[in-house]
Protein backbone atom coordinates (compact mmCIF):
# COMPACT_ATOMS: atom_id res chain seq x y z
CA MET A 1 23.73 -14.75 41.58
CA VAL A 2 20.21 -14.15 40.31
CA LEU A 3 17.38 -16.60 40.98
CA LYS A 4 14.48 -16.28 38.55
CA ILE A 5 11.07 -17.55 39.66
CA PHE A 6 8.37 -17.79 36.98
CA PHE A 7 5.21 -17.18 38.98
CA PRO A 8 1.64 -17.48 37.56
CA GLN A 9 -0.49 -14.38 37.94
CA CYS A 10 -3.51 -16.42 39.01
CA CYS A 11 -1.66 -17.39 42.21
CA ASN A 12 -1.01 -13.83 43.40
CA ARG A 13 -3.89 -14.03 45.89
CA ALA A 14 -3.92 -17.77 46.50
CA GLU A 15 -4.36 -19.13 50.00
CA SER A 16 -1.29 -20.23 51.94
CA GLY A 17 0.17 -23.59 51.00
CA LEU A 18 2.88 -25.32 49.02
CA LEU A 19 4.42 -24.21 45.74
CA VAL A 20 4.43 -27.04 43.18
CA GLY A 21 6.58 -26.70 40.08
CA ARG A 22 9.90 -27.60 38.53
CA TRP A 23 13.50 -26.47 38.70
CA ILE A 24 14.88 -25.70 35.23
CA SER A 25 17.91 -27.88 34.69
CA GLY A 26 21.06 -25.99 33.73
CA HIS A 27 19.60 -22.63 34.74
CA ASP A 28 19.17 -20.90 38.07
CA SER A 29 15.40 -20.61 37.74
CA ALA A 30 12.18 -22.30 38.81
CA VAL A 31 8.66 -22.53 37.34
CA VAL A 32 5.73 -22.39 39.74
CA LEU A 33 2.71 -24.27 38.39
CA ALA A 34 0.19 -24.41 41.24
CA VAL A 35 -0.35 -23.74 44.95
CA ILE A 36 -1.70 -26.58 47.12
CA HIS A 37 -3.79 -25.08 49.91
CA TYR A 38 -3.56 -25.75 53.60
CA PRO A 39 -4.73 -28.03 55.22
CA PHE A 40 -3.07 -31.03 53.60
CA ILE A 41 -1.32 -34.24 54.53
CA PRO A 42 2.33 -34.37 53.35
CA GLY A 43 2.06 -38.05 52.40
CA GLN A 44 -0.90 -37.34 50.15
CA VAL A 45 0.97 -34.44 48.57
CA LYS A 46 3.94 -36.70 47.76
CA GLN A 47 1.66 -39.37 46.32
CA TYR A 48 -0.20 -36.79 44.23
CA ILE A 49 3.04 -35.34 42.82
CA GLN A 50 4.31 -38.80 41.89
CA GLN A 51 1.04 -39.49 40.12
CA MET A 52 1.28 -36.22 38.17
CA GLN A 53 4.88 -36.99 37.21
CA ALA A 54 3.83 -40.32 35.74
CA GLN A 55 1.00 -38.73 33.71
CA SER A 56 2.79 -35.62 32.43
CA GLY A 57 6.42 -36.74 32.29
CA VAL A 58 7.53 -33.51 34.00
CA GLU A 59 9.87 -33.61 37.00
CA LEU A 60 7.46 -31.99 39.43
CA THR A 61 8.50 -31.20 42.97
CA VAL A 62 7.60 -29.04 45.95
CA LEU A 63 9.56 -25.83 45.44
CA GLY A 64 8.71 -24.24 48.76
CA SER A 65 5.91 -22.55 50.62
CA TRP A 66 3.54 -19.69 49.88
CA SER A 67 2.21 -17.49 52.63
CA LEU A 68 -0.61 -14.99 52.37
CA PRO A 69 -1.30 -13.82 55.96
CA LYS A 70 -4.91 -13.66 57.08
CA GLU A 71 -6.66 -13.18 60.39
CA GLY A 72 -6.21 -16.17 62.69
CA GLN A 73 -3.23 -17.57 60.72
CA GLU A 74 -0.34 -15.85 62.49
CA SER A 75 1.52 -19.13 63.08
CA MET A 76 1.16 -20.30 59.48
CA GLU A 77 4.57 -19.01 58.38
CA SER A 78 6.46 -20.97 61.02
CA PHE A 79 4.51 -24.11 60.14
CA LEU A 80 5.27 -23.75 56.44
CA ARG A 81 8.95 -23.10 57.21
CA ASP A 82 9.16 -26.39 59.06
CA LEU A 83 7.87 -28.27 56.02
CA SER A 84 11.31 -27.98 54.40
CA THR A 85 12.39 -30.96 56.51
CA ILE A 86 9.48 -33.09 55.25
CA PHE A 87 10.09 -32.22 51.60
CA PRO A 88 13.90 -32.29 51.41
CA GLN A 89 15.19 -30.10 48.61
CA GLN A 90 18.53 -28.51 47.87
CA ARG A 91 16.69 -25.18 47.83
CA TRP A 92 13.52 -24.30 49.67
CA LEU A 93 11.67 -21.15 48.66
CA GLN A 94 9.70 -19.29 51.31
CA VAL A 95 7.57 -16.79 49.40
CA SER A 96 5.28 -14.51 51.37
CA ARG A 97 3.17 -11.49 50.57
CA GLN A 98 2.28 -8.79 53.03
CA MET A 99 -1.14 -7.20 53.07
CA GLY A 100 -1.17 -3.81 51.39
CA LYS A 101 1.91 -4.51 49.30
CA MET A 102 2.10 -5.71 45.74
CA GLY A 103 5.57 -7.26 45.89
CA PHE A 104 6.68 -10.59 47.42
CA ILE A 105 9.38 -11.38 49.94
CA CYS A 106 11.40 -14.49 49.18
CA GLU A 107 13.69 -16.33 51.55
CA VAL A 108 15.86 -19.09 50.12
CA VAL A 109 16.84 -21.98 52.40
CA ASN A 110 19.95 -23.70 51.07
CA ARG A 111 21.10 -27.11 52.24
CA ASN A 112 24.83 -27.77 52.29
CA GLN A 113 26.53 -31.16 52.07
CA ASN A 114 26.43 -31.60 55.89
CA GLY A 115 22.68 -31.15 55.94
CA GLN A 116 22.83 -27.73 57.62
CA GLU A 117 20.43 -25.01 56.56
CA THR A 118 21.14 -21.32 55.99
CA GLN A 119 18.49 -18.71 55.28
CA GLN A 120 18.97 -15.79 52.99
CA GLU A 121 16.51 -13.03 52.62
CA ALA A 122 16.76 -11.35 49.24
CA LYS A 123 18.01 -7.76 49.19
CA LYS A 124 18.69 -7.67 52.96
CA GLN A 125 22.13 -9.17 53.38
CA ASN A 126 25.12 -6.91 53.20
CA ASP A 127 27.85 -8.99 54.80
CA GLU A 128 27.69 -12.15 52.70
CA GLU A 129 27.20 -12.69 49.03
CA GLU A 130 23.68 -11.61 48.17
CA GLU A 131 21.42 -13.81 46.03
CA LYS A 132 18.96 -11.65 44.16
CA VAL A 133 15.49 -12.97 43.38
CA ILE A 134 13.45 -11.87 40.35
CA PHE A 135 9.83 -12.83 39.99
CA VAL A 136 8.64 -13.20 36.39
CA HIS A 137 4.84 -13.19 36.31
CA TYR A 138 3.17 -14.98 33.43
CA GLU A 139 -0.36 -15.88 32.36
CA GLN A 140 -0.53 -19.63 32.78
CA ARG A 141 -3.31 -20.29 30.30
CA LYS A 142 -1.67 -18.32 27.48
CA VAL A 143 1.72 -19.94 28.03
CA MET A 144 0.16 -23.43 28.10
CA LEU A 145 -1.80 -22.92 24.86
CA SER A 146 0.93 -21.05 22.98
CA GLN A 147 3.54 -22.54 20.69
CA LEU A 148 6.94 -20.88 20.80
CA HIS A 149 8.47 -20.41 17.36
CA PRO A 150 12.08 -19.52 16.56
CA THR A 151 12.65 -15.80 16.20
CA GLU A 152 13.43 -14.22 12.85
CA SER A 153 16.94 -13.42 13.98
CA GLY A 154 17.63 -17.15 14.15
CA ASP A 155 18.35 -17.46 17.87
CA PRO A 156 20.48 -20.61 18.18
CA ASP A 157 19.18 -21.22 21.69
CA LEU A 158 15.79 -22.09 20.24
CA ASN A 159 17.13 -24.61 17.76
CA THR A 160 19.93 -26.43 19.58
CA GLU A 161 19.98 -29.04 22.31
CA PRO A 162 19.50 -28.64 25.19
CA PRO A 163 16.66 -26.12 24.69
CA SER A 164 16.88 -22.62 26.08
CA GLU A 165 15.49 -21.57 29.43
CA LEU A 166 12.47 -19.85 27.89
CA LYS A 167 11.60 -22.87 25.77
CA GLN A 168 11.85 -25.16 28.80
CA VAL A 169 9.43 -22.88 30.66
CA PHE A 170 6.88 -23.09 27.83
CA GLN A 171 7.30 -26.87 27.54
CA THR A 172 6.94 -27.35 31.29
CA VAL A 173 3.66 -25.43 31.45
CA ALA A 174 2.29 -27.09 28.30
CA ARG A 175 3.06 -30.65 29.47
CA SER A 176 1.64 -30.08 32.97
CA GLN A 177 -2.01 -30.23 31.92
CA PRO A 178 -2.86 -33.16 34.25
CA LEU A 179 -1.82 -30.95 37.17
CA PHE A 180 -4.43 -28.36 36.19
CA PHE A 181 -7.36 -30.79 36.37
CA LEU A 182 -7.54 -30.49 40.17
CA ASP A 183 -9.47 -27.41 41.29
CA ARG A 184 -11.25 -26.16 44.37
CA TYR A 185 -14.55 -27.78 43.37
CA ASP A 186 -13.17 -31.32 43.25
CA ASP A 187 -14.08 -33.62 46.14
CA GLY A 188 -10.67 -34.71 47.32
CA PRO A 189 -8.13 -34.29 50.09
CA LEU A 190 -6.17 -31.64 48.16
CA LYS A 191 -7.20 -28.17 46.98
CA SER A 192 -5.10 -26.13 44.59
CA THR A 193 -4.99 -22.80 42.76
CA HIS A 194 -4.08 -22.45 39.08
CA TRP A 195 -5.59 -20.95 35.93
CA GLN A 196 -8.49 -23.47 35.87
CA SER A 197 -9.42 -23.16 39.52
CA GLU A 198 -12.69 -21.39 38.79
CA GLY A 199 -14.18 -24.50 37.19
CA ARG A 200 -14.21 -26.29 33.83
CA GLU A 201 -17.79 -26.00 32.64
CA ALA A 202 -16.70 -25.29 29.06
CA SER A 203 -14.66 -28.48 28.94
CA ILE A 204 -17.89 -30.52 29.16
CA ILE A 205 -18.96 -29.18 25.75
CA VAL A 206 -15.50 -29.93 24.36
CA GLU A 207 -15.66 -33.52 25.59
CA LEU A 208 -19.13 -33.99 24.07
CA LEU A 209 -17.86 -32.68 20.72
CA LYS A 210 -14.91 -35.07 20.89
CA GLN A 211 -17.21 -38.02 21.55
CA ALA A 212 -19.54 -36.98 18.71
CA SER A 213 -16.66 -36.60 16.26
CA VAL A 214 -15.61 -40.25 16.59
CA PRO A 215 -18.58 -41.82 14.70
CA LEU A 216 -18.50 -38.95 12.20
CA CYS A 217 -14.83 -39.67 11.41
CA VAL A 218 -15.62 -43.36 11.04
CA LEU A 219 -18.44 -42.60 8.58
CA ILE A 220 -16.24 -40.24 6.54
CA SER A 221 -13.42 -42.82 6.49
CA TRP A 222 -15.84 -45.47 5.19
CA LEU A 223 -17.15 -43.14 2.46
CA LEU A 224 -13.59 -42.21 1.47
CA ALA A 225 -12.62 -45.88 1.31
CA LEU A 226 -15.62 -46.52 -0.99
CA TRP A 227 -14.68 -43.54 -3.16
CA THR A 228 -11.06 -44.70 -3.38
CA TRP A 229 -12.21 -48.17 -4.39
CA LEU A 230 -14.39 -46.71 -7.15
CA CYS A 231 -11.50 -44.59 -8.44
CA SER A 232 -9.19 -47.60 -8.46
CA ILE A 233 -11.40 -49.53 -10.90
CA ARG A 234 -9.40 -50.55 -13.92
CA ILE A 235 -11.61 -48.74 -16.41
CA PHE A 236 -10.63 -45.41 -14.84
CA SER A 237 -6.95 -46.25 -15.16
CA LEU A 238 -7.07 -46.45 -18.96
CA TYR A 239 -5.00 -43.86 -20.79
CA PRO A 240 -7.76 -41.57 -22.17
CA LEU A 241 -9.64 -41.32 -18.88
CA ARG A 242 -6.44 -41.00 -16.84
CA PHE A 243 -5.16 -38.31 -19.21
CA LEU A 244 -8.40 -36.31 -19.07
CA SER A 245 -8.69 -36.60 -15.29
CA SER A 246 -5.17 -35.23 -14.89
CA LYS A 247 -5.89 -32.21 -17.12
CA LEU A 248 -9.40 -31.21 -16.02
CA SER A 249 -9.39 -28.78 -13.11
CA THR A 250 -12.54 -30.33 -11.63
CA CYS A 251 -10.97 -33.81 -11.39
CA VAL A 252 -7.81 -32.38 -9.87
CA GLN A 253 -9.87 -30.48 -7.28
CA ILE A 254 -11.82 -33.64 -6.43
CA SER A 255 -8.60 -35.58 -5.81
CA TYR A 256 -7.25 -32.66 -3.79
CA ARG A 257 -10.32 -32.53 -1.54
CA THR A 258 -10.24 -36.31 -1.18
CA GLU A 259 -6.74 -36.06 0.28
CA HIS A 260 -7.96 -33.32 2.61
CA MET A 261 -10.87 -35.39 3.88
CA ARG A 262 -8.59 -38.39 4.34
CA THR A 263 -6.31 -36.23 6.50
CA LEU A 264 -9.21 -34.91 8.58
CA SER A 265 -10.82 -38.33 9.12
CA SER A 266 -7.57 -39.99 10.17
CA PRO A 267 -7.97 -41.63 13.61
CA LYS A 268 -4.40 -40.70 14.52
CA PRO A 269 -4.23 -37.51 16.61
CA ALA A 270 -2.00 -34.65 15.57
CA ILE A 271 1.20 -35.11 17.57
CA GLU A 272 3.19 -32.12 16.34
CA HIS A 273 2.00 -28.55 16.33
CA LYS A 274 2.32 -28.24 12.54
CA GLN A 275 0.10 -31.29 12.01
CA PHE A 276 -2.54 -29.79 14.29
CA MET A 277 -2.37 -26.45 12.48
CA ARG A 278 -2.56 -28.18 9.10
CA LYS A 279 -5.71 -30.07 10.11
CA GLY A 280 -7.22 -26.88 11.49
CA ASN A 281 -6.45 -24.96 8.29
CA ILE A 282 -7.90 -27.74 6.13
CA LEU A 283 -11.09 -27.92 8.20
CA VAL A 284 -11.69 -24.17 8.25
CA SER A 285 -10.92 -23.75 4.53
CA PHE A 286 -13.29 -26.63 3.74
CA LEU A 287 -16.10 -25.07 5.80
CA VAL A 288 -15.55 -21.64 4.26
CA ASP A 289 -15.43 -23.20 0.79
CA VAL A 290 -18.72 -25.05 1.31
CA GLY A 291 -20.34 -21.94 2.81
CA LEU A 292 -19.38 -19.78 -0.19
CA GLY A 293 -20.54 -22.54 -2.54
CA VAL A 294 -23.95 -22.72 -0.86
CA LEU A 295 -24.31 -18.93 -1.18
CA LEU A 296 -23.46 -19.14 -4.88
CA MET A 297 -25.89 -22.01 -5.40
CA SER A 298 -28.69 -20.14 -3.62
CA TRP A 299 -28.09 -17.15 -5.92
CA LEU A 300 -28.08 -19.30 -9.06
CA TYR A 301 -31.35 -21.05 -8.30
CA ARG A 302 -33.10 -17.92 -7.07
CA ASP A 303 -35.18 -15.91 -9.58
CA ASP A 304 -34.21 -18.34 -12.37
CA HIS A 305 -30.71 -16.91 -12.90
CA ILE A 306 -29.56 -20.09 -14.68
CA ALA A 307 -32.07 -19.60 -17.48
CA THR A 308 -30.95 -15.99 -17.80
CA LEU A 309 -27.31 -17.07 -18.11
CA ALA A 310 -28.23 -19.74 -20.69
CA ASN A 311 -30.15 -17.19 -22.77
CA MET A 312 -27.21 -14.78 -22.64
CA LEU A 313 -24.68 -17.39 -23.78
CA MET A 314 -25.87 -17.77 -27.39
CA PRO A 315 -25.93 -14.01 -28.21
CA ALA A 316 -22.49 -13.71 -26.59
CA ALA A 317 -21.14 -16.58 -28.74
CA ASP A 318 -22.60 -15.06 -31.90
CA HIS A 319 -21.07 -11.70 -30.98
CA VAL A 320 -17.63 -13.28 -30.40
CA ALA A 321 -17.86 -15.14 -33.72
CA LYS A 322 -18.83 -11.92 -35.53
CA GLU A 323 -15.94 -10.02 -34.00
CA LEU A 324 -13.51 -12.79 -34.97
CA GLU A 325 -14.80 -12.80 -38.54
CA GLU A 326 -14.33 -9.03 -38.77
CA LEU A 327 -10.84 -9.41 -37.34
CA LEU A 328 -9.92 -12.04 -39.92
CA GLN A 329 -11.37 -9.94 -42.73
CA TRP A 330 -9.20 -7.07 -41.53
CA LEU A 331 -6.13 -9.33 -41.49
CA MET A 332 -6.89 -10.62 -45.00
CA GLY A 333 -6.77 -7.07 -46.33
CA ALA A 334 -4.05 -4.54 -45.55
CA PRO A 335 -3.94 -4.41 -41.73
CA ALA A 336 -2.50 -1.08 -40.54
CA GLY A 337 -1.20 -0.43 -44.05
CA LEU A 338 1.17 -3.41 -43.96
CA LYS A 339 2.08 -5.20 -47.21
CA MET A 340 1.22 -8.88 -46.70
CA ASN A 341 1.80 -11.93 -48.90
CA ARG A 342 -1.62 -12.14 -50.51
CA ALA A 343 -1.61 -15.87 -51.30
CA LEU A 344 -0.58 -16.93 -47.80
CA ASP A 345 -2.84 -14.31 -46.25
CA GLN A 346 -5.90 -15.63 -48.09
CA VAL A 347 -5.07 -19.26 -47.27
CA LEU A 348 -4.63 -18.56 -43.56
CA GLY A 349 -7.69 -16.31 -43.37
CA ARG A 350 -10.01 -18.82 -45.04
CA PHE A 351 -8.56 -21.62 -42.93
CA PHE A 352 -9.38 -19.78 -39.69
CA LEU A 353 -12.78 -18.62 -40.94
CA TYR A 354 -13.69 -22.25 -41.58
CA HIS A 355 -12.82 -23.09 -37.97
CA ILE A 356 -15.01 -20.25 -36.73
CA HIS A 357 -17.97 -21.58 -38.73
CA LEU A 358 -17.37 -25.04 -37.29
CA TRP A 359 -17.26 -23.64 -33.77
CA ILE A 360 -20.44 -21.58 -34.06
CA SER A 361 -22.23 -24.59 -35.56
CA TYR A 362 -21.09 -26.66 -32.60
CA ILE A 363 -22.44 -24.01 -30.19
CA HIS A 364 -25.83 -23.88 -31.92
CA LEU A 365 -25.98 -27.67 -31.87
CA MET A 366 -25.40 -27.65 -28.10
CA SER A 367 -27.79 -24.76 -27.40
CA PRO A 368 -30.78 -26.97 -26.36
CA PHE A 369 -28.62 -28.63 -23.69
CA ILE A 370 -26.85 -25.54 -22.32
CA GLU A 371 -29.50 -24.74 -19.71
CA GLY A 372 -29.47 -28.33 -18.43
CA ILE A 373 -25.68 -28.35 -18.29
CA LEU A 374 -25.68 -25.11 -16.29
CA TRP A 375 -28.45 -26.41 -13.99
CA TYR A 376 -26.62 -29.61 -13.11
CA GLY A 377 -23.26 -27.82 -13.06
CA GLY A 378 -24.61 -25.38 -10.48
CA LEU A 379 -25.22 -28.29 -8.12
CA SER A 380 -21.44 -28.74 -7.86
CA ALA A 381 -21.37 -25.54 -5.80
CA CYS A 382 -22.77 -27.50 -2.85
CA LEU A 383 -19.36 -29.22 -2.70
CA GLY A 384 -17.65 -25.86 -2.43
CA LEU A 385 -16.92 -22.69 -4.35
CA THR A 386 -13.65 -24.22 -5.57
CA PHE A 387 -15.57 -26.94 -7.44
CA ALA A 388 -17.74 -24.33 -9.13
CA LEU A 389 -14.68 -22.27 -10.13
CA SER A 390 -12.86 -25.36 -11.40
CA LEU A 391 -15.91 -26.37 -13.43
CA LEU A 392 -16.13 -22.82 -14.80
CA SER A 393 -12.46 -23.01 -15.84
CA ASP A 394 -13.11 -26.27 -17.71
CA MET A 395 -16.19 -24.80 -19.40
CA VAL A 396 -14.20 -21.75 -20.49
CA ALA A 397 -11.52 -24.07 -21.91
CA LEU A 398 -14.17 -25.94 -23.92
CA LEU A 399 -15.98 -22.82 -25.14
CA THR A 400 -12.73 -21.17 -26.25
CA PHE A 401 -11.29 -24.28 -27.87
CA HIS A 402 -11.29 -22.54 -31.28
CA ILE A 403 -9.04 -19.76 -29.93
CA TYR A 404 -6.75 -22.42 -28.53
CA CYS A 405 -6.62 -24.10 -31.96
CA PHE A 406 -5.83 -20.77 -33.62
CA TYR A 407 -2.96 -20.21 -31.22
CA VAL A 408 -1.59 -23.73 -31.73
CA TYR A 409 -1.67 -23.43 -35.53
CA GLY A 410 -0.08 -20.01 -35.50
CA ALA A 411 2.55 -20.98 -32.92
CA ARG A 412 3.56 -24.15 -34.78
CA LEU A 413 3.82 -22.36 -38.10
CA TYR A 414 5.72 -19.44 -36.58
CA CYS A 415 8.13 -21.70 -34.64
CA LEU A 416 8.87 -23.83 -37.71
CA LYS A 417 9.74 -20.74 -39.72
CA ILE A 418 11.92 -19.33 -36.95
CA TYR A 419 13.78 -22.62 -36.52
CA GLY A 420 14.15 -22.93 -40.32
CA LEU A 421 15.56 -19.40 -40.63
CA SER A 422 18.01 -20.00 -37.78
CA SER A 423 19.22 -23.27 -39.34
CA LEU A 424 19.63 -21.66 -42.79
CA TRP A 425 21.46 -18.72 -41.23
CA ARG A 426 23.95 -21.15 -39.71
CA LEU A 427 24.27 -22.76 -43.16
CA PHE A 428 25.47 -19.43 -44.65
CA ARG A 429 28.10 -19.16 -41.91
CA GLY A 430 29.34 -22.73 -42.40
CA LYS A 431 27.88 -23.93 -39.10
CA LYS A 432 25.57 -26.77 -38.11
CA TRP A 433 23.73 -27.74 -34.93
CA ASN A 434 25.19 -30.90 -33.39
CA VAL A 435 22.26 -32.80 -31.87
CA LEU A 436 24.42 -35.29 -29.96
CA ARG A 437 26.71 -32.75 -28.33
CA GLN A 438 24.07 -30.00 -28.11
CA ARG A 439 26.33 -27.35 -29.60
CA VAL A 440 27.11 -25.56 -32.90
CA ASP A 441 29.97 -27.11 -34.91
CA SER A 442 31.68 -26.13 -38.16
CA CYS A 443 30.54 -27.85 -41.38
CA SER A 444 31.41 -27.62 -45.09
CA TYR A 445 28.58 -27.36 -47.68
CA ASP A 446 28.68 -27.73 -51.47
CA VAL A 447 27.26 -25.25 -54.01
CA ASP A 448 23.91 -27.07 -54.47
CA GLN A 449 23.23 -27.05 -50.74
CA LEU A 450 24.03 -23.35 -50.52
CA PHE A 451 21.79 -22.56 -53.52
CA ILE A 452 18.80 -24.48 -52.15
CA GLY A 453 19.40 -22.96 -48.72
CA THR A 454 19.40 -19.45 -50.20
CA LEU A 455 16.07 -20.08 -51.95
CA LEU A 456 14.46 -21.49 -48.82
CA PHE A 457 15.82 -18.69 -46.65
CA THR A 458 14.41 -16.06 -49.04
CA ILE A 459 10.98 -17.72 -49.16
CA LEU A 460 10.74 -18.10 -45.37
CA LEU A 461 11.99 -14.56 -44.78
CA PHE A 462 9.35 -12.95 -47.03
CA LEU A 463 6.55 -15.14 -45.62
CA LEU A 464 7.54 -14.47 -42.00
CA PRO A 465 5.70 -11.08 -41.57
CA THR A 466 2.36 -12.57 -42.59
CA THR A 467 2.79 -15.57 -40.26
CA ALA A 468 4.08 -13.37 -37.43
CA LEU A 469 1.05 -11.06 -37.67
CA TYR A 470 -1.43 -13.92 -37.40
CA TYR A 471 0.60 -15.43 -34.60
CA LEU A 472 0.68 -12.13 -32.68
CA VAL A 473 -3.07 -11.58 -32.95
CA PHE A 474 -4.02 -15.10 -31.87
CA THR A 475 -1.45 -15.02 -29.08
CA LEU A 476 -3.15 -11.93 -27.66
CA LEU A 477 -6.51 -13.72 -27.81
CA ARG A 478 -5.04 -16.77 -26.13
CA LEU A 479 -3.47 -14.54 -23.50
CA VAL A 480 -6.89 -13.14 -22.54
CA VAL A 481 -8.25 -16.67 -22.02
CA VAL A 482 -5.16 -17.76 -20.06
CA LEU A 483 -5.35 -14.70 -17.80
CA PHE A 484 -9.02 -15.36 -17.06
CA GLN A 485 -8.33 -19.02 -16.25
CA GLY A 486 -5.31 -17.94 -14.22
CA VAL A 487 -7.51 -15.70 -12.08
CA LEU A 488 -9.88 -18.64 -11.49
CA HIS A 489 -6.99 -20.94 -10.55
CA LEU A 490 -5.50 -18.31 -8.25
CA SER A 491 -8.87 -18.02 -6.49
CA VAL A 492 -9.04 -21.80 -6.07
CA ASP A 493 -5.47 -21.92 -4.81
CA PHE A 494 -6.16 -19.09 -2.37
CA ILE A 495 -9.17 -20.86 -0.86
CA ASN A 496 -7.36 -24.20 -0.69
CA SER A 497 -4.01 -23.03 0.65
CA PHE A 498 -4.59 -19.86 2.66
CA PRO A 499 -4.18 -20.67 6.39
CA LEU A 500 -7.51 -19.30 7.61
CA PHE A 501 -7.32 -21.12 10.93
CA ALA A 502 -3.81 -19.84 11.66
CA MET A 503 -4.76 -16.30 10.67
CA GLY A 504 -7.84 -16.50 12.90
CA LEU A 505 -5.63 -17.49 15.82
CA ARG A 506 -3.23 -14.68 14.97
CA LEU A 507 -6.03 -12.09 14.98
CA PHE A 508 -8.19 -13.27 17.88
CA ARG A 509 -5.74 -15.30 20.00
CA PRO A 510 -2.28 -14.03 19.07
CA TYR A 511 -0.66 -15.74 22.06
CA ARG A 512 -1.25 -19.13 20.42
CA LEU A 513 1.48 -18.32 17.86
CA ALA A 514 4.36 -16.91 19.88
CA GLU A 515 7.58 -15.65 18.35
CA GLY A 516 9.17 -14.56 21.61
CA VAL A 517 8.47 -12.69 24.82
CA LYS A 518 9.03 -9.23 26.20
CA PHE A 519 9.38 -8.12 29.81
CA GLN A 520 8.26 -5.01 31.59
CA VAL A 521 8.70 -3.91 35.19
CA LEU A 522 5.57 -4.72 37.16
CA CYS A 523 6.62 -3.76 40.67
CA GLU A 524 9.80 -2.51 42.30
CA GLU A 525 9.07 -1.77 45.97
CA PRO A 526 11.75 -1.39 48.65
CA GLY A 527 12.17 -4.51 50.74
CA THR A 528 10.70 -6.80 48.06
CA ALA A 529 12.06 -8.64 45.06
CA LEU A 530 11.97 -7.25 41.52
CA HIS A 531 8.77 -8.19 39.68
CA LEU A 532 8.61 -8.46 35.88
CA LEU A 533 5.63 -9.17 33.65
CA MET A 534 6.24 -11.57 30.76
CA GLU A 535 4.15 -10.83 27.68
CA ILE A 536 4.03 -12.95 24.52
CA ASN A 537 5.04 -11.47 21.17
CA PRO A 538 2.87 -12.98 18.40
CA LEU A 539 4.15 -13.96 14.98
CA LYS A 540 3.77 -11.55 12.10
CA CYS A 541 0.94 -12.22 9.67
CA SER A 542 3.34 -12.74 6.77
CA THR A 543 5.30 -15.29 8.81
CA VAL A 544 2.08 -17.13 9.71
CA VAL A 545 1.10 -17.39 6.03
CA GLN A 546 4.59 -18.58 5.09
CA LEU A 547 4.76 -21.23 7.82
CA TYR A 548 1.26 -22.68 7.64
CA ARG A 549 0.29 -22.29 3.98
CA THR A 550 -1.19 -25.57 2.75
CA PRO A 551 0.55 -27.05 -0.33
CA THR A 552 -1.80 -27.00 -3.30
CA TYR A 553 -1.86 -27.66 -7.02
CA SER A 554 -1.88 -25.60 -10.18
CA CYS A 555 -2.88 -26.66 -13.68
CA TYR A 556 -0.39 -24.19 -15.12
CA PRO A 557 3.38 -24.09 -14.56
CA ARG A 558 4.21 -22.24 -11.36
CA ASP A 559 5.81 -19.23 -13.02
CA SER A 560 5.32 -15.53 -12.61
CA TRP A 561 2.90 -13.71 -14.88
CA ALA A 562 5.83 -12.21 -16.80
CA ALA A 563 7.29 -15.68 -17.46
CA LEU A 564 3.85 -16.94 -18.50
CA VAL A 565 3.40 -14.12 -21.02
CA LYS A 566 6.94 -14.69 -22.32
CA LYS A 567 6.22 -18.38 -22.93
CA LEU A 568 3.04 -17.46 -24.77
CA PHE A 569 4.81 -15.11 -27.14
CA VAL A 570 7.73 -17.46 -27.87
CA GLY A 571 5.33 -20.32 -28.60
CA GLU A 572 6.33 -22.54 -25.67
CA LEU A 573 2.98 -22.56 -23.83
CA ILE A 574 1.04 -24.45 -26.47
CA TYR A 575 -0.46 -26.79 -23.88
CA PRO A 576 -1.17 -25.54 -20.35
CA TRP A 577 0.56 -28.55 -18.81
CA ARG A 578 3.71 -28.38 -20.96
CA HIS A 579 6.71 -26.47 -19.71
CA LYS A 580 8.80 -26.33 -22.89
CA SER A 581 8.54 -27.19 -26.56
CA THR A 582 10.62 -29.62 -28.60
CA LYS A 583 13.47 -28.06 -30.53
CA VAL A 584 13.61 -28.98 -34.19
CA ASP A 585 16.64 -28.40 -36.35
């Protein structure tokens, strides 16, 4: 048999005393949590352990004795051996360390049913069955603060009940925090050694921050309640306002951040590890977002950059309008030597030229207010860079509304012709689309229907190249706008959803996100037990992003870029929020 003892590294040089910990149920192993120093009163030790059990919920017990010989303490080992009668256990561990040696010697005192005791010294018995002892040294602070995740291989021991031995070790150390509050500087009858024995000066700052966060959370909750009440006014629930608020990126980002602030200001503490990580990711992403927004705002209002941008907007709009006019003039001629239908070409060209003149007139009409709009719009950066990017996306959508109209007109006209040609082609084959059954059925047509269908099919077929050319050109223009807005939305999604807090823990404190452990031989001296060092394997960065990525929104359908381009060219992405078009037959 092999007895595994998980021993904290901070107790390697602790003074002689009692080993306090827990026996792992269902496994032949024990977890040492602290060493209570001599001198002590056994009754006070029992009372203290009962008190810690009530606070932590862990079945704590006295595992045995720890002996580190010093000058003037020659009789300490015999005294600690006699304590096994005061603290009756089925097994009593007598762990001692000799000066000049790194390894420990462990004697196990077993009690049989008659109450008799037998001592076994590990690795020294040859006549009877030998019980080997393995010491697994671990860093108590890292194990307590870490969260053990299931391995990628899908170890069933980490997901089934009862939990595995390793998971019980991590849970025991994590739930035994009340035991670690007693250190050598406390005025009390008991002194102990554990990872916090050198003092807790830093915890004073943590407690002050906790106390200061309570009124701040109350203030934020009150402001959020006021904001929610304002948003719930009936005038904002009318169809036009509700429709616009659901389509504008700025309004969606405001609602998204409102949910974030409501989560952060919740008085309920995070019970599960994922809830704690989600709050941490939201808080860090919000701080980073505001910091980047303040940097952007400081750049905008320094050296009068807003006036420069406003002065550059009008020449840029005139240049775009000029380029579009030249493009339409090229399409109204013989583009690339193609033979176009002159009548339809002239009608479409003049129709789109009229829209360009309307758009440029609208821009010149708004030119006196552009600098003011940019000045007040730049103030939104104080709320975060995501607000500024969302506002920029909305402004781009408004400034390129004429390109959107061109695409809609061309897509509708092109789709109607394609659907008409497909229906007439089925007419020639004696087929018809059954709307109720959503399938193609056979149908008989008379001569008049076939004659009219032939005329319409010929007209649509000869007009299709002209329509397709306009549709292709305006689709490419629309694609440029959609790609630019897609980059803005991807940037907003990245800031909102990327787990910055989890990645910071992975880089600077990788033990907080543990995927498993690895062991290496620490000491193997003759006459002592085998000593292993337990090290924590952190999660991979890709796994951290996948586990703790914050759910976010997107104004566009969540498709790949290839699917987005495909929908543009088949005329399905007429509106950014629509996933498919209506089939007409």
